[in-house]
Amino acid sequence: MTNKYTLILPTMFALFVVSDLGIADLELGKLPPQVQLAGEHGGRLDGTSWNSSELNGTIHILMYVDPDKVRVNEHVEDALAKEQYPSKNIKSVAITNLAATWKPKFLIRKILKGKQKKYPSTTYVTDKSKVLVEQWGLHDHSYNVLVFGSSGNLVFNQGGVLSLVDVEKLTTMIWSQISK
């Protein structure tokens, strides 16, 4: 009986550790599977649906964030703002993973509506049922940063706290996409 547990417990531990590391299931250079956030699953703050097919036609920076982790990558947001990318070449989407938090949803929506007024060029979206975690394999209870090229293909994907090296890769990737 101990031999059975000797094999099972380390295997389960390894699967748990591996499943929480690395980047999402999305493949760099490829289009992501199409997802839609609408109705009970989320959508834009005005109640309309959001579809990943919108990540086409220009470069998109997408942040998928657990409200409890919103501050872990402030240095990334600061670095992106400092770059002063030409607005005609780039759009941003902020998706809040509402299912990952204990915080009151009405309060989060109120905060997001304030941000939408402050940053009108950013599309603010909510994911009420972890659709992007389940369908794209994004990190749950985390802060994910993704960049899509103008054809909608994924060119950058990192979950968790981004290091300074990661931020440098991110900004360099965006500039290289702009120069194409």
N, C-alpha and C. Protein backbone atom coordinates (compact mmCIF):
# COMPACT_ATOMS: atom_id res chain seq x y z
N MET A 1 0.82 -1.19 0.00
CA MET A 1 0.00 0.00 0.00
C MET A 1 0.87 1.26 0.00
N THR A 2 1.95 1.27 0.74
CA THR A 2 2.82 2.43 0.75
C THR A 2 3.46 2.67 -0.61
N ASN A 3 3.72 1.62 -1.37
CA ASN A 3 4.29 1.80 -2.70
C ASN A 3 3.35 2.58 -3.61
N LYS A 4 2.05 2.32 -3.48
CA LYS A 4 1.06 3.03 -4.29
C LYS A 4 1.11 4.52 -3.98
N TYR A 5 1.16 4.89 -2.71
CA TYR A 5 1.20 6.29 -2.32
C TYR A 5 2.55 6.93 -2.61
N THR A 6 3.59 6.14 -2.60
CA THR A 6 4.91 6.64 -2.92
C THR A 6 4.94 7.18 -4.34
N LEU A 7 4.21 6.56 -5.24
CA LEU A 7 4.16 7.01 -6.63
C LEU A 7 3.09 8.08 -6.84
N ILE A 8 1.93 7.92 -6.24
CA ILE A 8 0.79 8.82 -6.49
C ILE A 8 1.04 10.21 -5.92
N LEU A 9 1.49 10.33 -4.70
CA LEU A 9 1.64 11.65 -4.08
C LEU A 9 2.66 12.53 -4.80
N PRO A 10 3.85 12.03 -5.13
CA PRO A 10 4.78 12.89 -5.89
C PRO A 10 4.24 13.26 -7.26
N THR A 11 3.53 12.34 -7.90
CA THR A 11 2.96 12.63 -9.21
C THR A 11 1.91 13.73 -9.11
N MET A 12 1.03 13.63 -8.10
CA MET A 12 0.00 14.65 -7.91
C MET A 12 0.65 16.00 -7.61
N PHE A 13 1.67 16.00 -6.79
CA PHE A 13 2.38 17.25 -6.47
C PHE A 13 3.00 17.85 -7.71
N ALA A 14 3.64 17.03 -8.52
CA ALA A 14 4.27 17.51 -9.75
C ALA A 14 3.24 18.09 -10.70
N LEU A 15 2.11 17.44 -10.84
CA LEU A 15 1.04 17.95 -11.71
C LEU A 15 0.52 19.28 -11.20
N PHE A 16 0.35 19.40 -9.89
CA PHE A 16 -0.13 20.65 -9.30
C PHE A 16 0.86 21.78 -9.56
N VAL A 17 2.13 21.53 -9.34
CA VAL A 17 3.15 22.55 -9.53
C VAL A 17 3.26 22.94 -11.00
N VAL A 18 3.32 21.97 -11.89
CA VAL A 18 3.46 22.24 -13.31
C VAL A 18 2.24 22.98 -13.85
N SER A 19 1.05 22.64 -13.36
CA SER A 19 -0.15 23.28 -13.88
C SER A 19 -0.21 24.76 -13.52
N ASP A 20 0.53 25.19 -12.53
CA ASP A 20 0.48 26.59 -12.11
C ASP A 20 1.67 27.40 -12.64
N LEU A 21 2.55 26.79 -13.40
CA LEU A 21 3.72 27.50 -13.92
C LEU A 21 3.56 27.81 -15.39
N GLY A 22 4.42 28.70 -15.85
CA GLY A 22 4.48 28.95 -17.28
C GLY A 22 3.38 29.83 -17.79
N ILE A 23 3.23 29.84 -19.10
CA ILE A 23 2.24 30.69 -19.72
C ILE A 23 0.98 29.89 -20.01
N ALA A 24 -0.03 30.58 -20.45
CA ALA A 24 -1.31 29.95 -20.71
C ALA A 24 -1.23 28.96 -21.87
N ASP A 25 -2.34 28.30 -22.11
CA ASP A 25 -2.43 27.29 -23.16
C ASP A 25 -2.36 27.87 -24.56
N LEU A 26 -2.44 29.18 -24.68
CA LEU A 26 -2.39 29.81 -26.00
C LEU A 26 -1.01 29.64 -26.61
N GLU A 27 -0.98 29.55 -27.92
CA GLU A 27 0.28 29.33 -28.62
C GLU A 27 0.75 30.63 -29.27
N LEU A 28 1.98 31.02 -28.98
CA LEU A 28 2.54 32.23 -29.59
C LEU A 28 2.53 32.11 -31.10
N GLY A 29 2.20 33.20 -31.76
CA GLY A 29 2.16 33.24 -33.22
C GLY A 29 0.84 32.77 -33.81
N LYS A 30 -0.04 32.25 -32.97
CA LYS A 30 -1.33 31.72 -33.44
C LYS A 30 -2.48 32.60 -32.99
N LEU A 31 -3.61 32.46 -33.68
CA LEU A 31 -4.85 33.12 -33.26
C LEU A 31 -5.41 32.36 -32.06
N PRO A 32 -5.93 33.07 -31.07
CA PRO A 32 -6.53 32.36 -29.94
C PRO A 32 -7.90 31.80 -30.34
N PRO A 33 -8.37 30.77 -29.64
CA PRO A 33 -9.74 30.32 -29.89
C PRO A 33 -10.70 31.48 -29.60
N GLN A 34 -11.73 31.57 -30.39
CA GLN A 34 -12.67 32.67 -30.21
C GLN A 34 -13.47 32.48 -28.93
N VAL A 35 -13.56 33.56 -28.14
CA VAL A 35 -14.38 33.55 -26.93
C VAL A 35 -15.27 34.79 -26.94
N GLN A 36 -16.40 34.64 -26.25
CA GLN A 36 -17.32 35.76 -26.13
C GLN A 36 -17.70 35.91 -24.67
N LEU A 37 -17.70 37.15 -24.20
CA LEU A 37 -18.16 37.46 -22.86
C LEU A 37 -19.45 38.27 -23.01
N ALA A 38 -20.55 37.66 -22.58
CA ALA A 38 -21.86 38.30 -22.71
C ALA A 38 -22.79 37.76 -21.63
N GLY A 39 -23.77 38.58 -21.26
CA GLY A 39 -24.81 38.14 -20.33
C GLY A 39 -24.25 37.72 -18.99
N GLU A 40 -24.64 36.53 -18.56
CA GLU A 40 -24.22 36.03 -17.24
C GLU A 40 -22.73 35.75 -17.16
N HIS A 41 -22.05 35.71 -18.31
CA HIS A 41 -20.60 35.45 -18.33
C HIS A 41 -19.77 36.73 -18.33
N GLY A 42 -20.43 37.89 -18.50
CA GLY A 42 -19.71 39.15 -18.48
C GLY A 42 -19.98 39.98 -19.70
N GLY A 43 -19.01 40.81 -20.05
CA GLY A 43 -19.14 41.70 -21.20
C GLY A 43 -18.61 43.08 -20.87
N ARG A 44 -18.88 44.02 -21.76
CA ARG A 44 -18.46 45.41 -21.54
C ARG A 44 -19.25 46.02 -20.39
N LEU A 45 -18.74 47.12 -19.88
CA LEU A 45 -19.39 47.78 -18.75
C LEU A 45 -20.77 48.31 -19.11
N ASP A 46 -21.00 48.60 -20.39
CA ASP A 46 -22.32 49.10 -20.80
C ASP A 46 -23.32 47.96 -21.03
N GLY A 47 -22.91 46.72 -20.77
CA GLY A 47 -23.80 45.58 -20.90
C GLY A 47 -23.73 44.87 -22.25
N THR A 48 -23.01 45.44 -23.20
CA THR A 48 -22.88 44.78 -24.50
C THR A 48 -21.82 43.69 -24.44
N SER A 49 -21.87 42.79 -25.39
CA SER A 49 -20.93 41.67 -25.38
C SER A 49 -19.56 42.10 -25.90
N TRP A 50 -18.57 41.30 -25.55
CA TRP A 50 -17.21 41.46 -26.06
C TRP A 50 -16.81 40.13 -26.67
N ASN A 51 -16.15 40.19 -27.83
CA ASN A 51 -15.73 38.98 -28.52
C ASN A 51 -14.25 39.11 -28.86
N SER A 52 -13.52 38.03 -28.70
CA SER A 52 -12.08 38.05 -28.97
C SER A 52 -11.76 38.30 -30.44
N SER A 53 -12.74 38.15 -31.32
CA SER A 53 -12.50 38.46 -32.72
C SER A 53 -12.20 39.95 -32.92
N GLU A 54 -12.49 40.76 -31.91
CA GLU A 54 -12.18 42.19 -31.95
C GLU A 54 -10.68 42.46 -31.82
N LEU A 55 -9.92 41.46 -31.46
CA LEU A 55 -8.46 41.61 -31.30
C LEU A 55 -7.79 41.48 -32.66
N ASN A 56 -8.26 42.25 -33.60
CA ASN A 56 -7.81 42.15 -34.98
C ASN A 56 -7.79 43.55 -35.57
N GLY A 57 -6.92 43.79 -36.54
CA GLY A 57 -6.89 45.07 -37.23
C GLY A 57 -5.88 46.06 -36.70
N THR A 58 -5.49 45.89 -35.46
CA THR A 58 -4.46 46.72 -34.84
C THR A 58 -3.83 45.92 -33.69
N ILE A 59 -2.76 46.41 -33.16
CA ILE A 59 -2.10 45.74 -32.03
C ILE A 59 -2.96 45.95 -30.79
N HIS A 60 -3.13 44.90 -30.01
CA HIS A 60 -3.91 44.98 -28.78
C HIS A 60 -3.07 44.50 -27.59
N ILE A 61 -3.09 45.29 -26.53
CA ILE A 61 -2.54 44.85 -25.24
C ILE A 61 -3.75 44.45 -24.41
N LEU A 62 -3.76 43.22 -23.93
CA LEU A 62 -4.87 42.73 -23.12
C LEU A 62 -4.35 42.37 -21.74
N MET A 63 -4.97 42.97 -20.73
CA MET A 63 -4.65 42.64 -19.34
C MET A 63 -5.86 41.88 -18.78
N TYR A 64 -5.61 40.69 -18.26
CA TYR A 64 -6.65 39.87 -17.64
C TYR A 64 -6.29 39.77 -16.17
N VAL A 65 -7.10 40.42 -15.31
CA VAL A 65 -6.66 40.67 -13.95
C VAL A 65 -7.67 40.24 -12.89
N ASP A 66 -7.18 39.55 -11.89
CA ASP A 66 -7.93 39.31 -10.66
C ASP A 66 -7.92 40.63 -9.88
N PRO A 67 -9.07 41.16 -9.46
CA PRO A 67 -9.08 42.43 -8.73
C PRO A 67 -8.21 42.44 -7.47
N ASP A 68 -7.97 41.28 -6.90
CA ASP A 68 -7.11 41.20 -5.72
C ASP A 68 -5.63 41.32 -6.08
N LYS A 69 -5.30 41.22 -7.36
CA LYS A 69 -3.90 41.28 -7.82
C LYS A 69 -3.62 42.51 -8.67
N VAL A 70 -4.50 43.48 -8.63
CA VAL A 70 -4.43 44.62 -9.54
C VAL A 70 -3.13 45.42 -9.39
N ARG A 71 -2.51 45.40 -8.24
CA ARG A 71 -1.32 46.22 -8.02
C ARG A 71 0.01 45.50 -8.32
N VAL A 72 -0.02 44.20 -8.54
CA VAL A 72 1.24 43.45 -8.68
C VAL A 72 2.04 43.84 -9.92
N ASN A 73 1.38 44.38 -10.92
CA ASN A 73 2.09 44.75 -12.14
C ASN A 73 1.92 46.24 -12.46
N GLU A 74 1.83 47.06 -11.43
CA GLU A 74 1.77 48.50 -11.66
C GLU A 74 3.00 48.99 -12.42
N HIS A 75 4.14 48.35 -12.16
CA HIS A 75 5.37 48.73 -12.87
C HIS A 75 5.25 48.47 -14.37
N VAL A 76 4.46 47.48 -14.75
CA VAL A 76 4.22 47.19 -16.17
C VAL A 76 3.38 48.31 -16.77
N GLU A 77 2.30 48.67 -16.09
CA GLU A 77 1.43 49.74 -16.57
C GLU A 77 2.22 51.05 -16.69
N ASP A 78 3.07 51.33 -15.71
CA ASP A 78 3.90 52.55 -15.76
C ASP A 78 4.85 52.51 -16.96
N ALA A 79 5.46 51.35 -17.18
CA ALA A 79 6.40 51.21 -18.31
C ALA A 79 5.68 51.39 -19.65
N LEU A 80 4.49 50.83 -19.78
CA LEU A 80 3.72 50.97 -21.02
C LEU A 80 3.33 52.42 -21.25
N ALA A 81 2.92 53.12 -20.19
CA ALA A 81 2.55 54.53 -20.32
C ALA A 81 3.76 55.37 -20.72
N LYS A 82 4.91 55.04 -20.16
CA LYS A 82 6.14 55.78 -20.44
C LYS A 82 6.57 55.66 -21.91
N GLU A 83 6.25 54.54 -22.54
CA GLU A 83 6.64 54.29 -23.93
C GLU A 83 5.95 55.24 -24.91
N GLN A 84 4.79 55.72 -24.58
CA GLN A 84 4.02 56.63 -25.44
C GLN A 84 3.84 56.07 -26.85
N TYR A 85 3.27 54.88 -26.93
CA TYR A 85 2.99 54.27 -28.22
C TYR A 85 1.98 55.12 -28.99
N PRO A 86 2.12 55.18 -30.31
CA PRO A 86 1.15 55.95 -31.11
C PRO A 86 -0.24 55.32 -31.00
N SER A 87 -1.22 56.11 -30.58
CA SER A 87 -2.57 55.58 -30.32
C SER A 87 -3.23 55.00 -31.57
N LYS A 88 -2.83 55.43 -32.74
CA LYS A 88 -3.42 54.89 -33.97
C LYS A 88 -2.97 53.45 -34.22
N ASN A 89 -1.88 53.03 -33.59
CA ASN A 89 -1.33 51.69 -33.82
C ASN A 89 -1.68 50.67 -32.75
N ILE A 90 -2.26 51.12 -31.64
CA ILE A 90 -2.40 50.21 -30.52
C ILE A 90 -3.67 50.50 -29.73
N LYS A 91 -4.30 49.42 -29.26
CA LYS A 91 -5.50 49.53 -28.42
C LYS A 91 -5.26 48.69 -27.18
N SER A 92 -6.01 49.01 -26.13
CA SER A 92 -5.88 48.23 -24.90
C SER A 92 -7.24 47.72 -24.44
N VAL A 93 -7.19 46.51 -23.87
CA VAL A 93 -8.38 45.87 -23.32
C VAL A 93 -8.03 45.42 -21.91
N ALA A 94 -8.87 45.80 -20.96
CA ALA A 94 -8.69 45.38 -19.57
C ALA A 94 -9.87 44.50 -19.19
N ILE A 95 -9.58 43.22 -18.93
CA ILE A 95 -10.65 42.28 -18.55
C ILE A 95 -10.46 41.91 -17.09
N THR A 96 -11.49 42.13 -16.31
CA THR A 96 -11.45 41.84 -14.88
C THR A 96 -12.09 40.49 -14.62
N ASN A 97 -11.35 39.61 -13.97
CA ASN A 97 -11.81 38.27 -13.62
C ASN A 97 -12.62 38.37 -12.32
N LEU A 98 -13.90 38.70 -12.46
CA LEU A 98 -14.75 38.90 -11.27
C LEU A 98 -14.95 37.63 -10.46
N ALA A 99 -14.85 36.48 -11.08
CA ALA A 99 -15.05 35.21 -10.37
C ALA A 99 -13.88 34.87 -9.45
N ALA A 100 -12.79 35.62 -9.56
CA ALA A 100 -11.59 35.30 -8.77
C ALA A 100 -11.51 36.08 -7.47
N THR A 101 -12.51 36.89 -7.17
CA THR A 101 -12.40 37.75 -6.00
C THR A 101 -13.57 37.61 -5.04
N TRP A 102 -13.31 37.98 -3.80
CA TRP A 102 -14.35 38.03 -2.79
C TRP A 102 -14.96 39.43 -2.71
N LYS A 103 -14.31 40.40 -3.36
CA LYS A 103 -14.77 41.79 -3.29
C LYS A 103 -16.14 41.94 -3.93
N PRO A 104 -16.95 42.87 -3.41
CA PRO A 104 -18.30 43.08 -3.96
C PRO A 104 -18.24 43.51 -5.43
N LYS A 105 -19.00 42.81 -6.26
CA LYS A 105 -18.98 43.06 -7.70
C LYS A 105 -19.45 44.47 -8.04
N PHE A 106 -20.47 44.98 -7.31
CA PHE A 106 -20.97 46.32 -7.60
C PHE A 106 -19.89 47.37 -7.37
N LEU A 107 -19.06 47.16 -6.38
CA LEU A 107 -17.98 48.09 -6.08
C LEU A 107 -16.91 48.05 -7.17
N ILE A 108 -16.57 46.87 -7.62
CA ILE A 108 -15.58 46.72 -8.69
C ILE A 108 -16.10 47.38 -9.97
N ARG A 109 -17.37 47.15 -10.29
CA ARG A 109 -17.95 47.77 -11.49
C ARG A 109 -17.93 49.29 -11.39
N LYS A 110 -18.18 49.81 -10.20
CA LYS A 110 -18.15 51.27 -9.99
C LYS A 110 -16.73 51.80 -10.24
N ILE A 111 -15.74 51.11 -9.72
CA ILE A 111 -14.34 51.50 -9.93
C ILE A 111 -13.99 51.44 -11.41
N LEU A 112 -14.42 50.36 -12.07
CA LEU A 112 -14.12 50.21 -13.50
C LEU A 112 -14.80 51.30 -14.34
N LYS A 113 -16.01 51.68 -13.97
CA LYS A 113 -16.70 52.75 -14.70
C LYS A 113 -15.94 54.07 -14.55
N GLY A 114 -15.36 54.30 -13.37
CA GLY A 114 -14.53 55.48 -13.16
C GLY A 114 -13.28 55.43 -14.03
N LYS A 115 -12.68 54.25 -14.12
CA LYS A 115 -11.49 54.09 -14.97
C LYS A 115 -11.85 54.28 -16.44
N GLN A 116 -13.04 53.80 -16.84
CA GLN A 116 -13.47 53.95 -18.23
C GLN A 116 -13.59 55.42 -18.61
N LYS A 117 -14.07 56.24 -17.66
CA LYS A 117 -14.16 57.68 -17.91
C LYS A 117 -12.77 58.31 -17.99
N LYS A 118 -11.87 57.85 -17.13
CA LYS A 118 -10.51 58.40 -17.09
C LYS A 118 -9.69 57.95 -18.30
N TYR A 119 -9.90 56.72 -18.76
CA TYR A 119 -9.17 56.15 -19.89
C TYR A 119 -10.16 55.66 -20.95
N PRO A 120 -10.78 56.58 -21.68
CA PRO A 120 -11.85 56.19 -22.63
C PRO A 120 -11.37 55.34 -23.80
N SER A 121 -10.08 55.35 -24.10
CA SER A 121 -9.60 54.55 -25.23
C SER A 121 -9.38 53.08 -24.86
N THR A 122 -9.45 52.75 -23.58
CA THR A 122 -9.32 51.36 -23.13
C THR A 122 -10.71 50.73 -23.08
N THR A 123 -10.82 49.52 -23.58
CA THR A 123 -12.06 48.77 -23.49
C THR A 123 -12.05 47.99 -22.18
N TYR A 124 -13.02 48.27 -21.32
CA TYR A 124 -13.12 47.56 -20.04
C TYR A 124 -14.20 46.49 -20.14
N VAL A 125 -13.83 45.27 -19.72
CA VAL A 125 -14.69 44.10 -19.85
C VAL A 125 -14.64 43.32 -18.54
N THR A 126 -15.73 42.64 -18.21
CA THR A 126 -15.72 41.76 -17.05
C THR A 126 -15.93 40.31 -17.49
N ASP A 127 -15.27 39.41 -16.79
CA ASP A 127 -15.44 37.98 -16.99
C ASP A 127 -15.99 37.45 -15.67
N LYS A 128 -17.28 37.13 -15.65
CA LYS A 128 -17.95 36.72 -14.42
C LYS A 128 -17.81 35.23 -14.12
N SER A 129 -17.34 34.45 -15.07
CA SER A 129 -17.29 33.00 -14.84
C SER A 129 -16.00 32.33 -15.34
N LYS A 130 -14.91 33.09 -15.33
CA LYS A 130 -13.59 32.55 -15.66
C LYS A 130 -13.52 31.94 -17.06
N VAL A 131 -14.20 32.57 -18.00
CA VAL A 131 -14.22 32.06 -19.38
C VAL A 131 -12.82 32.00 -19.95
N LEU A 132 -12.02 33.05 -19.77
CA LEU A 132 -10.67 33.07 -20.35
C LEU A 132 -9.72 32.14 -19.60
N VAL A 133 -9.99 31.88 -18.34
CA VAL A 133 -9.19 30.90 -17.59
C VAL A 133 -9.46 29.52 -18.18
N GLU A 134 -10.72 29.21 -18.40
CA GLU A 134 -11.10 27.87 -18.87
C GLU A 134 -10.82 27.66 -20.35
N GLN A 135 -11.07 28.68 -21.19
CA GLN A 135 -10.96 28.46 -22.63
C GLN A 135 -9.59 28.84 -23.19
N TRP A 136 -8.89 29.73 -22.54
CA TRP A 136 -7.56 30.11 -23.01
C TRP A 136 -6.45 29.60 -22.10
N GLY A 137 -6.80 29.10 -20.93
CA GLY A 137 -5.79 28.61 -20.00
C GLY A 137 -5.04 29.72 -19.28
N LEU A 138 -5.65 30.93 -19.19
CA LEU A 138 -4.97 32.01 -18.48
C LEU A 138 -4.90 31.69 -17.00
N HIS A 139 -3.93 32.28 -16.34
CA HIS A 139 -3.74 32.06 -14.91
C HIS A 139 -4.91 32.64 -14.14
N ASP A 140 -5.48 31.85 -13.25
CA ASP A 140 -6.55 32.30 -12.37
C ASP A 140 -5.92 32.96 -11.15
N HIS A 141 -6.64 33.87 -10.53
CA HIS A 141 -6.14 34.57 -9.34
C HIS A 141 -4.78 35.19 -9.63
N SER A 142 -4.67 35.84 -10.77
CA SER A 142 -3.38 36.37 -11.20
C SER A 142 -3.58 37.60 -12.07
N TYR A 143 -2.48 38.05 -12.64
CA TYR A 143 -2.46 39.21 -13.53
C TYR A 143 -1.77 38.75 -14.80
N ASN A 144 -2.53 38.65 -15.90
CA ASN A 144 -2.02 38.17 -17.18
C ASN A 144 -1.85 39.34 -18.14
N VAL A 145 -0.74 39.35 -18.86
CA VAL A 145 -0.47 40.38 -19.87
C VAL A 145 -0.29 39.66 -21.21
N LEU A 146 -1.12 40.04 -22.18
CA LEU A 146 -1.04 39.45 -23.51
C LEU A 146 -0.98 40.56 -24.54
N VAL A 147 -0.27 40.30 -25.63
CA VAL A 147 -0.22 41.23 -26.75
C VAL A 147 -0.57 40.45 -28.01
N PHE A 148 -1.47 41.03 -28.80
CA PHE A 148 -1.89 40.44 -30.07
C PHE A 148 -1.44 41.36 -31.20
N GLY A 149 -0.86 40.79 -32.24
CA GLY A 149 -0.45 41.56 -33.40
C GLY A 149 -1.67 42.03 -34.18
N SER A 150 -1.44 42.84 -35.20
CA SER A 150 -2.56 43.41 -35.95
C SER A 150 -3.40 42.37 -36.68
N SER A 151 -2.87 41.19 -36.89
CA SER A 151 -3.66 40.13 -37.52
C SER A 151 -4.37 39.26 -36.48
N GLY A 152 -4.24 39.62 -35.20
CA GLY A 152 -4.92 38.89 -34.13
C GLY A 152 -4.12 37.75 -33.54
N ASN A 153 -2.89 37.54 -34.03
CA ASN A 153 -2.06 36.46 -33.51
C ASN A 153 -1.40 36.88 -32.19
N LEU A 154 -1.24 35.92 -31.29
CA LEU A 154 -0.62 36.16 -30.00
C LEU A 154 0.88 36.33 -30.15
N VAL A 155 1.43 37.44 -29.65
CA VAL A 155 2.88 37.66 -29.76
C VAL A 155 3.56 37.77 -28.40
N PHE A 156 2.79 37.93 -27.33
CA PHE A 156 3.37 37.98 -25.98
C PHE A 156 2.32 37.46 -25.01
N ASN A 157 2.78 36.67 -24.03
CA ASN A 157 1.86 36.12 -23.03
C ASN A 157 2.63 35.80 -21.76
N GLN A 158 2.28 36.48 -20.69
CA GLN A 158 2.94 36.22 -19.42
C GLN A 158 1.93 36.41 -18.29
N GLY A 159 1.88 35.45 -17.38
CA GLY A 159 1.01 35.54 -16.22
C GLY A 159 1.84 35.71 -14.96
N GLY A 160 1.25 36.34 -13.96
CA GLY A 160 1.93 36.57 -12.70
C GLY A 160 2.67 37.89 -12.69
N VAL A 161 3.57 38.04 -11.76
CA VAL A 161 4.35 39.27 -11.65
C VAL A 161 5.43 39.27 -12.73
N LEU A 162 5.43 40.30 -13.55
CA LEU A 162 6.43 40.41 -14.61
C LEU A 162 7.72 41.00 -14.05
N SER A 163 8.83 40.37 -14.39
CA SER A 163 10.14 40.87 -13.98
C SER A 163 10.51 42.05 -14.88
N LEU A 164 11.59 42.73 -14.54
CA LEU A 164 12.06 43.83 -15.38
C LEU A 164 12.47 43.32 -16.76
N VAL A 165 13.01 42.12 -16.82
CA VAL A 165 13.36 41.50 -18.10
C VAL A 165 12.09 41.24 -18.92
N ASP A 166 11.04 40.74 -18.27
CA ASP A 166 9.76 40.51 -18.95
C ASP A 166 9.20 41.82 -19.50
N VAL A 167 9.30 42.89 -18.72
CA VAL A 167 8.78 44.20 -19.15
C VAL A 167 9.56 44.69 -20.36
N GLU A 168 10.88 44.49 -20.35
CA GLU A 168 11.70 44.88 -21.50
C GLU A 168 11.30 44.09 -22.74
N LYS A 169 11.06 42.78 -22.58
CA LYS A 169 10.61 41.95 -23.70
C LYS A 169 9.26 42.44 -24.22
N LEU A 170 8.38 42.78 -23.30
CA LEU A 170 7.04 43.27 -23.65
C LEU A 170 7.12 44.55 -24.47
N THR A 171 7.84 45.55 -23.97
CA THR A 171 7.90 46.83 -24.68
C THR A 171 8.62 46.69 -26.02
N THR A 172 9.66 45.87 -26.07
CA THR A 172 10.37 45.62 -27.32
C THR A 172 9.45 44.93 -28.34
N MET A 173 8.68 43.97 -27.86
CA MET A 173 7.74 43.25 -28.75
C MET A 173 6.70 44.20 -29.33
N ILE A 174 6.19 45.09 -28.50
CA ILE A 174 5.18 46.04 -28.98
C ILE A 174 5.77 46.96 -30.04
N TRP A 175 6.97 47.50 -29.78
CA TRP A 175 7.62 48.37 -30.78
C TRP A 175 7.89 47.61 -32.07
N SER A 176 8.29 46.35 -31.97
CA SER A 176 8.55 45.58 -33.19
C SER A 176 7.26 45.34 -33.97
N GLN A 177 6.15 45.17 -33.27
CA GLN A 177 4.86 45.01 -33.95
C GLN A 177 4.42 46.32 -34.61
N ILE A 178 4.69 47.43 -33.96
CA ILE A 178 4.32 48.74 -34.52
C ILE A 178 5.13 49.02 -35.80
N SER A 179 6.40 48.61 -35.81
CA SER A 179 7.26 48.91 -36.95
C SER A 179 7.01 47.99 -38.15
N LYS A 180 6.15 47.00 -38.00
CA LYS A 180 5.86 46.07 -39.13
C LYS A 180 5.01 46.76 -40.18
